[in-house]
Amino acid sequence: MLKKLVCLVIILFGSTSLFAFTAGEKIIYPGFGIGISSGDAKGISGSDMGVLMGGNSSLFKNGENDVSFAYSIGAMFDYFMTDSLALTSGLSYDRSPYKLTYPKNTATEDLEFTVDFAFLTVPIGFHYYYENFLLIGGGFYFGKTISDDSELKYGSTKEDVKLETKNDIGLFLDLGLNFELSETNNILAYVRYKRGLSNVYDEEDVVTDIKMRTLTLNLAYGIKF
């Protein structure tokens, strides 16, 4: 099995050495990604939450930003300004929930506050391909909020919460590998980290000043034209 894996790696490295980008070339990358989402936020203390929910300051510990399953579906576009540097953009549907958990102290269950965010995201930045194989890139992104269903959950009890949320603006960083399939097609496997700079929710509330963070592993199929 190990020998087969080594041979596969050698074949992949060998094939990519024949693959070259050229200035003026354009590639569209339909693809998808899965990963995790979380965020930074300001929440009231566990004792205050206990008083608010049950009149007992010992019910909950202080809140903790939790991680949730996230995914992305869309298309990326690279326009090569040189043989290795490309302007990148695209459009994707990003499901990136935010969760704040107040662990139980004397309560019987944890208290969970979740915002099931979904964004239409447009990035703008640069991709640099080293030796046509290693991808390094980054830039800014704008995420139009299209879903913000919110829920407060305690055990089996759930309560919908309506929030006045905002759009997401931040930075992204890409790191990945490029594999040749043919003269006109390639596969891009990359990790994308997104760090929100703007507050997607900043009203005076038990939770406020939410800034998003996501980390996804992505696969994209490149089509040259």
C-alpha atoms as a PDB file:
ATOM      1  CA  MET A   1       0.000   0.000   0.000  1.00  0.00           C
ATOM      2  CA  LEU A   2       2.835   2.407   0.895  1.00  0.00           C
ATOM      3  CA  LYS A   3       4.590   1.715  -2.409  1.00  0.00           C
ATOM      4  CA  LYS A   4       1.378   2.452  -4.327  1.00  0.00           C
ATOM      5  CA  LEU A   5       0.941   5.729  -2.436  1.00  0.00           C
ATOM      6  CA  VAL A   6       4.540   6.788  -3.171  1.00  0.00           C
ATOM      7  CA  CYS A   7       4.056   5.964  -6.861  1.00  0.00           C
ATOM      8  CA  LEU A   8       0.860   8.027  -6.949  1.00  0.00           C
ATOM      9  CA  VAL A   9       2.630  11.037  -5.413  1.00  0.00           C
ATOM     10  CA  ILE A  10       5.469  10.710  -7.925  1.00  0.00           C
ATOM     11  CA  ILE A  11       2.966  10.578 -10.802  1.00  0.00           C
ATOM     12  CA  LEU A  12       1.126  13.646  -9.514  1.00  0.00           C
ATOM     13  CA  PHE A  13       4.320  15.641  -9.057  1.00  0.00           C
ATOM     14  CA  GLY A  14       5.559  14.508 -12.439  1.00  0.00           C
ATOM     15  CA  SER A  15       2.363  15.475 -14.202  1.00  0.00           C
ATOM     16  CA  THR A  16       2.208  18.914 -12.643  1.00  0.00           C
ATOM     17  CA  SER A  17       5.730  19.672 -13.844  1.00  0.00           C
ATOM     18  CA  LEU A  18       4.325  19.600 -17.416  1.00  0.00           C
ATOM     19  CA  PHE A  19       1.480  21.946 -16.565  1.00  0.00           C
ATOM     20  CA  ALA A  20       2.023  25.655 -17.181  1.00  0.00           C
ATOM     21  CA  PHE A  21      -0.038  28.811 -16.903  1.00  0.00           C
ATOM     22  CA  THR A  22       0.462  31.733 -19.274  1.00  0.00           C
ATOM     23  CA  ALA A  23      -0.268  35.450 -19.051  1.00  0.00           C
ATOM     24  CA  GLY A  24      -3.743  36.313 -20.341  1.00  0.00           C
ATOM     25  CA  GLU A  25      -5.077  32.855 -19.572  1.00  0.00           C
ATOM     26  CA  LYS A  26      -8.440  32.515 -17.820  1.00  0.00           C
ATOM     27  CA  ILE A  27      -9.614  29.586 -15.692  1.00  0.00           C
ATOM     28  CA  ILE A  28     -13.006  29.010 -14.096  1.00  0.00           C
ATOM     29  CA  TYR A  29     -13.132  26.678 -11.083  1.00  0.00           C
ATOM     30  CA  PRO A  30     -16.531  25.235 -10.130  1.00  0.00           C
ATOM     31  CA  GLY A  31     -16.132  23.517  -6.795  1.00  0.00           C
ATOM     32  CA  PHE A  32     -17.191  22.904  -3.226  1.00  0.00           C
ATOM     33  CA  GLY A  33     -15.718  22.909   0.251  1.00  0.00           C
ATOM     34  CA  ILE A  34     -16.454  21.588   3.735  1.00  0.00           C
ATOM     35  CA  GLY A  35     -15.081  22.705   7.076  1.00  0.00           C
ATOM     36  CA  ILE A  36     -15.902  24.553  10.264  1.00  0.00           C
ATOM     37  CA  SER A  37     -17.192  27.978  11.203  1.00  0.00           C
ATOM     38  CA  SER A  38     -17.056  29.959  14.413  1.00  0.00           C
ATOM     39  CA  GLY A  39     -16.576  33.561  15.404  1.00  0.00           C
ATOM     40  CA  ASP A  40     -15.710  36.190  17.949  1.00  0.00           C
ATOM     41  CA  ALA A  41     -18.446  37.886  19.962  1.00  0.00           C
ATOM     42  CA  LYS A  42     -19.242  39.666  23.177  1.00  0.00           C
ATOM     43  CA  GLY A  43     -21.727  37.857  25.385  1.00  0.00           C
ATOM     44  CA  ILE A  44     -23.100  38.505  28.843  1.00  0.00           C
ATOM     45  CA  SER A  45     -21.520  36.497  31.663  1.00  0.00           C
ATOM     46  CA  GLY A  46     -22.742  33.059  32.660  1.00  0.00           C
ATOM     47  CA  SER A  47     -24.060  34.393  35.956  1.00  0.00           C
ATOM     48  CA  ASP A  48     -26.048  37.127  34.180  1.00  0.00           C
ATOM     49  CA  MET A  49     -27.419  34.574  31.727  1.00  0.00           C
ATOM     50  CA  GLY A  50     -28.467  32.357  34.632  1.00  0.00           C
ATOM     51  CA  VAL A  51     -30.314  35.239  36.272  1.00  0.00           C
ATOM     52  CA  LEU A  52     -31.960  36.148  32.967  1.00  0.00           C
ATOM     53  CA  MET A  53     -33.068  32.603  32.127  1.00  0.00           C
ATOM     54  CA  GLY A  54     -33.916  31.196  35.550  1.00  0.00           C
ATOM     55  CA  GLY A  55     -33.263  33.745  38.265  1.00  0.00           C
ATOM     56  CA  ASN A  56     -30.201  31.825  39.451  1.00  0.00           C
ATOM     57  CA  SER A  57     -26.673  33.133  38.840  1.00  0.00           C
ATOM     58  CA  SER A  58     -25.108  29.674  39.281  1.00  0.00           C
ATOM     59  CA  LEU A  59     -26.907  27.958  36.395  1.00  0.00           C
ATOM     60  CA  PHE A  60     -24.297  28.511  33.687  1.00  0.00           C
ATOM     61  CA  LYS A  61     -20.605  29.063  33.204  1.00  0.00           C
ATOM     62  CA  ASN A  62     -19.369  31.864  30.933  1.00  0.00           C
ATOM     63  CA  GLY A  63     -20.182  31.507  27.241  1.00  0.00           C
ATOM     64  CA  GLU A  64     -17.766  29.889  24.782  1.00  0.00           C
ATOM     65  CA  ASN A  65     -17.588  30.351  21.010  1.00  0.00           C
ATOM     66  CA  ASP A  66     -18.253  26.904  19.572  1.00  0.00           C
ATOM     67  CA  VAL A  67     -17.555  25.402  16.130  1.00  0.00           C
ATOM     68  CA  SER A  68     -20.168  24.290  13.612  1.00  0.00           C
ATOM     69  CA  PHE A  69     -20.153  22.394  10.325  1.00  0.00           C
ATOM     70  CA  ALA A  70     -19.755  24.747   7.355  1.00  0.00           C
ATOM     71  CA  TYR A  71     -19.818  24.256   3.601  1.00  0.00           C
ATOM     72  CA  SER A  72     -19.385  26.245   0.399  1.00  0.00           C
ATOM     73  CA  ILE A  73     -20.576  25.727  -3.199  1.00  0.00           C
ATOM     74  CA  GLY A  74     -19.721  27.997  -6.082  1.00  0.00           C
ATOM     75  CA  ALA A  75     -17.179  28.964  -8.707  1.00  0.00           C
ATOM     76  CA  MET A  76     -13.824  30.743  -8.620  1.00  0.00           C
ATOM     77  CA  PHE A  77     -12.242  32.645 -11.500  1.00  0.00           C
ATOM     78  CA  ASP A  78      -8.512  33.225 -12.093  1.00  0.00           C
ATOM     79  CA  TYR A  79      -7.169  35.680 -14.679  1.00  0.00           C
ATOM     80  CA  PHE A  80      -3.412  35.373 -15.157  1.00  0.00           C
ATOM     81  CA  MET A  81      -1.556  38.675 -15.323  1.00  0.00           C
ATOM     82  CA  THR A  82       1.783  36.821 -15.552  1.00  0.00           C
ATOM     83  CA  ASP A  83       2.751  33.159 -15.890  1.00  0.00           C
ATOM     84  CA  SER A  84       2.395  32.698 -12.116  1.00  0.00           C
ATOM     85  CA  LEU A  85       0.296  35.574 -10.723  1.00  0.00           C
ATOM     86  CA  ALA A  86      -3.483  35.682 -11.197  1.00  0.00           C
ATOM     87  CA  LEU A  87      -6.259  38.022 -10.202  1.00  0.00           C
ATOM     88  CA  THR A  88      -8.916  35.896  -8.489  1.00  0.00           C
ATOM     89  CA  SER A  89     -12.607  36.404  -7.829  1.00  0.00           C
ATOM     90  CA  GLY A  90     -15.796  34.336  -7.913  1.00  0.00           C
ATOM     91  CA  LEU A  91     -19.184  33.725  -6.345  1.00  0.00           C
ATOM     92  CA  SER A  92     -20.128  31.145  -3.733  1.00  0.00           C
ATOM     93  CA  TYR A  93     -22.963  30.128  -1.440  1.00  0.00           C
ATOM     94  CA  ASP A  94     -21.450  29.786   2.036  1.00  0.00           C
ATOM     95  CA  ARG A  95     -23.324  28.184   4.926  1.00  0.00           C
ATOM     96  CA  SER A  96     -21.438  29.341   8.031  1.00  0.00           C
ATOM     97  CA  PRO A  97     -23.321  28.990  11.339  1.00  0.00           C
ATOM     98  CA  TYR A  98     -22.257  30.808  14.492  1.00  0.00           C
ATOM     99  CA  LYS A  99     -22.768  29.172  17.895  1.00  0.00           C
ATOM    100  CA  LEU A 100     -22.252  30.460  21.439  1.00  0.00           C
ATOM    101  CA  THR A 101     -22.582  27.845  24.195  1.00  0.00           C
ATOM    102  CA  TYR A 102     -23.089  28.512  27.901  1.00  0.00           C
ATOM    103  CA  PRO A 103     -21.931  25.265  29.587  1.00  0.00           C
ATOM    104  CA  LYS A 104     -24.095  24.012  32.421  1.00  0.00           C
ATOM    105  CA  ASN A 105     -22.987  24.612  35.999  1.00  0.00           C
ATOM    106  CA  THR A 106     -25.915  23.743  38.254  1.00  0.00           C
ATOM    107  CA  ALA A 107     -28.307  23.616  35.281  1.00  0.00           C
ATOM    108  CA  THR A 108     -29.193  20.233  33.763  1.00  0.00           C
ATOM    109  CA  GLU A 109     -28.350  21.220  30.164  1.00  0.00           C
ATOM    110  CA  ASP A 110     -26.083  23.582  28.257  1.00  0.00           C
ATOM    111  CA  LEU A 111     -27.633  26.722  26.789  1.00  0.00           C
ATOM    112  CA  GLU A 112     -26.901  27.196  23.076  1.00  0.00           C
ATOM    113  CA  PHE A 113     -27.383  30.302  20.958  1.00  0.00           C
ATOM    114  CA  THR A 114     -27.043  29.642  17.220  1.00  0.00           C
ATOM    115  CA  VAL A 115     -27.275  31.858  14.134  1.00  0.00           C
ATOM    116  CA  ASP A 116     -27.485  29.757  10.971  1.00  0.00           C
ATOM    117  CA  PHE A 117     -25.787  32.238   8.639  1.00  0.00           C
ATOM    118  CA  ALA A 118     -25.704  31.818   4.875  1.00  0.00           C
ATOM    119  CA  PHE A 119     -23.873  34.254   2.613  1.00  0.00           C
ATOM    120  CA  LEU A 120     -23.453  34.936  -1.087  1.00  0.00           C
ATOM    121  CA  THR A 121     -19.736  35.654  -1.104  1.00  0.00           C
ATOM    122  CA  VAL A 122     -17.598  37.509  -3.644  1.00  0.00           C
ATOM    123  CA  PRO A 123     -13.823  37.441  -3.034  1.00  0.00           C
ATOM    124  CA  ILE A 124     -11.291  39.671  -4.757  1.00  0.00           C
ATOM    125  CA  GLY A 125      -7.581  39.041  -4.430  1.00  0.00           C
ATOM    126  CA  PHE A 126      -4.543  37.350  -5.948  1.00  0.00           C
ATOM    127  CA  HIS A 127      -3.317  33.798  -6.481  1.00  0.00           C
ATOM    128  CA  TYR A 128       0.362  33.012  -6.872  1.00  0.00           C
ATOM    129  CA  TYR A 129       1.333  29.607  -8.309  1.00  0.00           C
ATOM    130  CA  TYR A 130       4.851  28.523  -7.417  1.00  0.00           C
ATOM    131  CA  GLU A 131       6.280  26.123 -10.019  1.00  0.00           C
ATOM    132  CA  ASN A 132       2.690  25.692 -11.287  1.00  0.00           C
ATOM    133  CA  PHE A 133       2.037  23.468  -8.269  1.00  0.00           C
ATOM    134  CA  LEU A 134       1.896  25.314  -4.950  1.00  0.00           C
ATOM    135  CA  LEU A 135      -0.907  27.881  -4.573  1.00  0.00           C
ATOM    136  CA  ILE A 136      -0.631  30.840  -2.198  1.00  0.00           C
ATOM    137  CA  GLY A 137      -3.196  33.627  -2.249  1.00  0.00           C
ATOM    138  CA  GLY A 138      -5.425  36.006  -0.400  1.00  0.00           C
ATOM    139  CA  GLY A 139      -7.414  39.210  -0.449  1.00  0.00           C
ATOM    140  CA  PHE A 140     -10.739  40.649   0.661  1.00  0.00           C
ATOM    141  CA  TYR A 141     -14.255  39.265   0.486  1.00  0.00           C
ATOM    142  CA  PHE A 142     -17.807  40.592   0.718  1.00  0.00           C
ATOM    143  CA  GLY A 143     -20.578  38.303   1.957  1.00  0.00           C
ATOM    144  CA  LYS A 144     -24.211  39.259   1.366  1.00  0.00           C
ATOM    145  CA  THR A 145     -26.293  37.809   4.201  1.00  0.00           C
ATOM    146  CA  ILE A 146     -29.170  35.796   2.741  1.00  0.00           C
ATOM    147  CA  SER A 147     -30.091  33.721   5.818  1.00  0.00           C
ATOM    148  CA  ASP A 148     -29.761  34.390   9.538  1.00  0.00           C
ATOM    149  CA  ASP A 149     -32.190  32.007  11.236  1.00  0.00           C
ATOM    150  CA  SER A 150     -31.457  32.202  14.962  1.00  0.00           C
ATOM    151  CA  GLU A 151     -32.300  29.860  17.802  1.00  0.00           C
ATOM    152  CA  LEU A 152     -31.935  29.635  21.571  1.00  0.00           C
ATOM    153  CA  LYS A 153     -31.820  26.023  22.752  1.00  0.00           C
ATOM    154  CA  TYR A 154     -31.946  24.559  26.261  1.00  0.00           C
ATOM    155  CA  GLY A 155     -32.294  20.784  26.282  1.00  0.00           C
ATOM    156  CA  SER A 156     -35.363  19.944  24.191  1.00  0.00           C
ATOM    157  CA  THR A 157     -36.692  23.496  24.466  1.00  0.00           C
ATOM    158  CA  LYS A 158     -36.077  25.688  21.429  1.00  0.00           C
ATOM    159  CA  GLU A 159     -37.018  29.292  20.794  1.00  0.00           C
ATOM    160  CA  ASP A 160     -36.631  31.168  17.530  1.00  0.00           C
ATOM    161  CA  VAL A 161     -34.921  34.555  17.785  1.00  0.00           C
ATOM    162  CA  LYS A 162     -35.167  37.359  15.231  1.00  0.00           C
ATOM    163  CA  LEU A 163     -31.980  39.392  14.708  1.00  0.00           C
ATOM    164  CA  GLU A 164     -31.187  42.407  12.536  1.00  0.00           C
ATOM    165  CA  THR A 165     -27.955  41.120  11.019  1.00  0.00           C
ATOM    166  CA  LYS A 166     -25.535  42.756   8.585  1.00  0.00           C
ATOM    167  CA  ASN A 167     -23.315  41.695   5.696  1.00  0.00           C
ATOM    168  CA  ASP A 168     -19.908  40.104   6.227  1.00  0.00           C
ATOM    169  CA  ILE A 169     -16.701  41.837   5.104  1.00  0.00           C
ATOM    170  CA  GLY A 170     -13.240  40.424   5.779  1.00  0.00           C
ATOM    171  CA  LEU A 171      -9.991  38.851   4.629  1.00  0.00           C
ATOM    172  CA  PHE A 172      -9.308  35.441   3.107  1.00  0.00           C
ATOM    173  CA  LEU A 173      -6.179  33.319   2.746  1.00  0.00           C
ATOM    174  CA  ASP A 174      -5.759  30.391   0.313  1.00  0.00           C
ATOM    175  CA  LEU A 175      -3.124  27.648   0.445  1.00  0.00           C
ATOM    176  CA  GLY A 176      -3.252  24.611  -1.808  1.00  0.00           C
ATOM    177  CA  LEU A 177      -1.938  22.348  -4.556  1.00  0.00           C
ATOM    178  CA  ASN A 178      -2.579  22.253  -8.296  1.00  0.00           C
ATOM    179  CA  PHE A 179      -2.790  18.968 -10.242  1.00  0.00           C
ATOM    180  CA  GLU A 180      -2.908  18.653 -14.030  1.00  0.00           C
ATOM    181  CA  LEU A 181      -5.574  16.499 -15.682  1.00  0.00           C
ATOM    182  CA  SER A 182      -5.086  17.610 -19.288  1.00  0.00           C
ATOM    183  CA  GLU A 183      -3.898  20.612 -21.283  1.00  0.00           C
ATOM    184  CA  THR A 184      -7.150  22.436 -20.518  1.00  0.00           C
ATOM    185  CA  ASN A 185      -8.214  20.998 -17.162  1.00  0.00           C
ATOM    186  CA  ASN A 186      -6.770  20.780 -13.673  1.00  0.00           C
ATOM    187  CA  ILE A 187      -7.782  20.048 -10.099  1.00  0.00           C
ATOM    188  CA  LEU A 188      -7.175  22.560  -7.314  1.00  0.00           C
ATOM    189  CA  ALA A 189      -7.172  21.329  -3.709  1.00  0.00           C
ATOM    190  CA  TYR A 190      -6.844  24.173  -1.248  1.00  0.00           C
ATOM    191  CA  VAL A 191      -7.630  25.387   2.235  1.00  0.00           C
ATOM    192  CA  ARG A 192      -9.398  28.741   2.606  1.00  0.00           C
ATOM    193  CA  TYR A 193      -9.407  30.692   5.859  1.00  0.00           C
ATOM    194  CA  LYS A 194     -11.819  33.629   6.158  1.00  0.00           C
ATOM    195  CA  ARG A 195     -11.609  36.196   8.936  1.00  0.00           C
ATOM    196  CA  GLY A 196     -14.433  38.684   9.303  1.00  0.00           C
ATOM    197  CA  LEU A 197     -13.508  42.303   9.980  1.00  0.00           C
ATOM    198  CA  SER A 198     -17.056  43.659  10.258  1.00  0.00           C
ATOM    199  CA  ASN A 199     -19.733  42.830  12.809  1.00  0.00           C
ATOM    200  CA  VAL A 200     -22.531  40.746  11.302  1.00  0.00           C
ATOM    201  CA  TYR A 201     -24.566  41.548  14.422  1.00  0.00           C
ATOM    202  CA  ASP A 202     -23.888  44.514  16.707  1.00  0.00           C
ATOM    203  CA  GLU A 203     -27.174  45.365  18.420  1.00  0.00           C
ATOM    204  CA  GLU A 204     -27.153  45.756  22.213  1.00  0.00           C
ATOM    205  CA  ASP A 205     -28.154  42.241  23.247  1.00  0.00           C
ATOM    206  CA  VAL A 206     -27.077  39.249  25.335  1.00  0.00           C
ATOM    207  CA  VAL A 207     -24.706  38.492  22.427  1.00  0.00           C
ATOM    208  CA  THR A 208     -23.287  41.234  20.204  1.00  0.00           C
ATOM    209  CA  ASP A 209     -20.363  42.248  17.977  1.00  0.00           C
ATOM    210  CA  ILE A 210     -20.255  38.916  16.133  1.00  0.00           C
ATOM    211  CA  LYS A 211     -17.350  38.561  13.675  1.00  0.00           C
ATOM    212  CA  MET A 212     -17.232  35.391  11.584  1.00  0.00           C
ATOM    213  CA  ARG A 213     -14.387  32.910  11.078  1.00  0.00           C
ATOM    214  CA  THR A 214     -14.422  29.934   8.707  1.00  0.00           C
ATOM    215  CA  LEU A 215     -11.926  27.279   7.616  1.00  0.00           C
ATOM    216  CA  THR A 216     -12.781  25.027   4.669  1.00  0.00           C
ATOM    217  CA  LEU A 217     -11.051  22.357   2.599  1.00  0.00           C
ATOM    218  CA  ASN A 218     -11.998  22.876  -1.052  1.00  0.00           C
ATOM    219  CA  LEU A 219     -11.835  20.942  -4.306  1.00  0.00           C
ATOM    220  CA  ALA A 220     -12.248  22.795  -7.607  1.00  0.00           C
ATOM    221  CA  TYR A 221     -12.234  21.603 -11.233  1.00  0.00           C
ATOM    222  CA  GLY A 222     -10.361  23.996 -13.499  1.00  0.00           C
ATOM    223  CA  ILE A 223     -11.522  24.748 -17.047  1.00  0.00           C
ATOM    224  CA  LYS A 224      -9.248  26.900 -19.233  1.00  0.00           C
ATOM    225  CA  PHE A 225     -10.740  29.196 -21.842  1.00  0.00           C
END
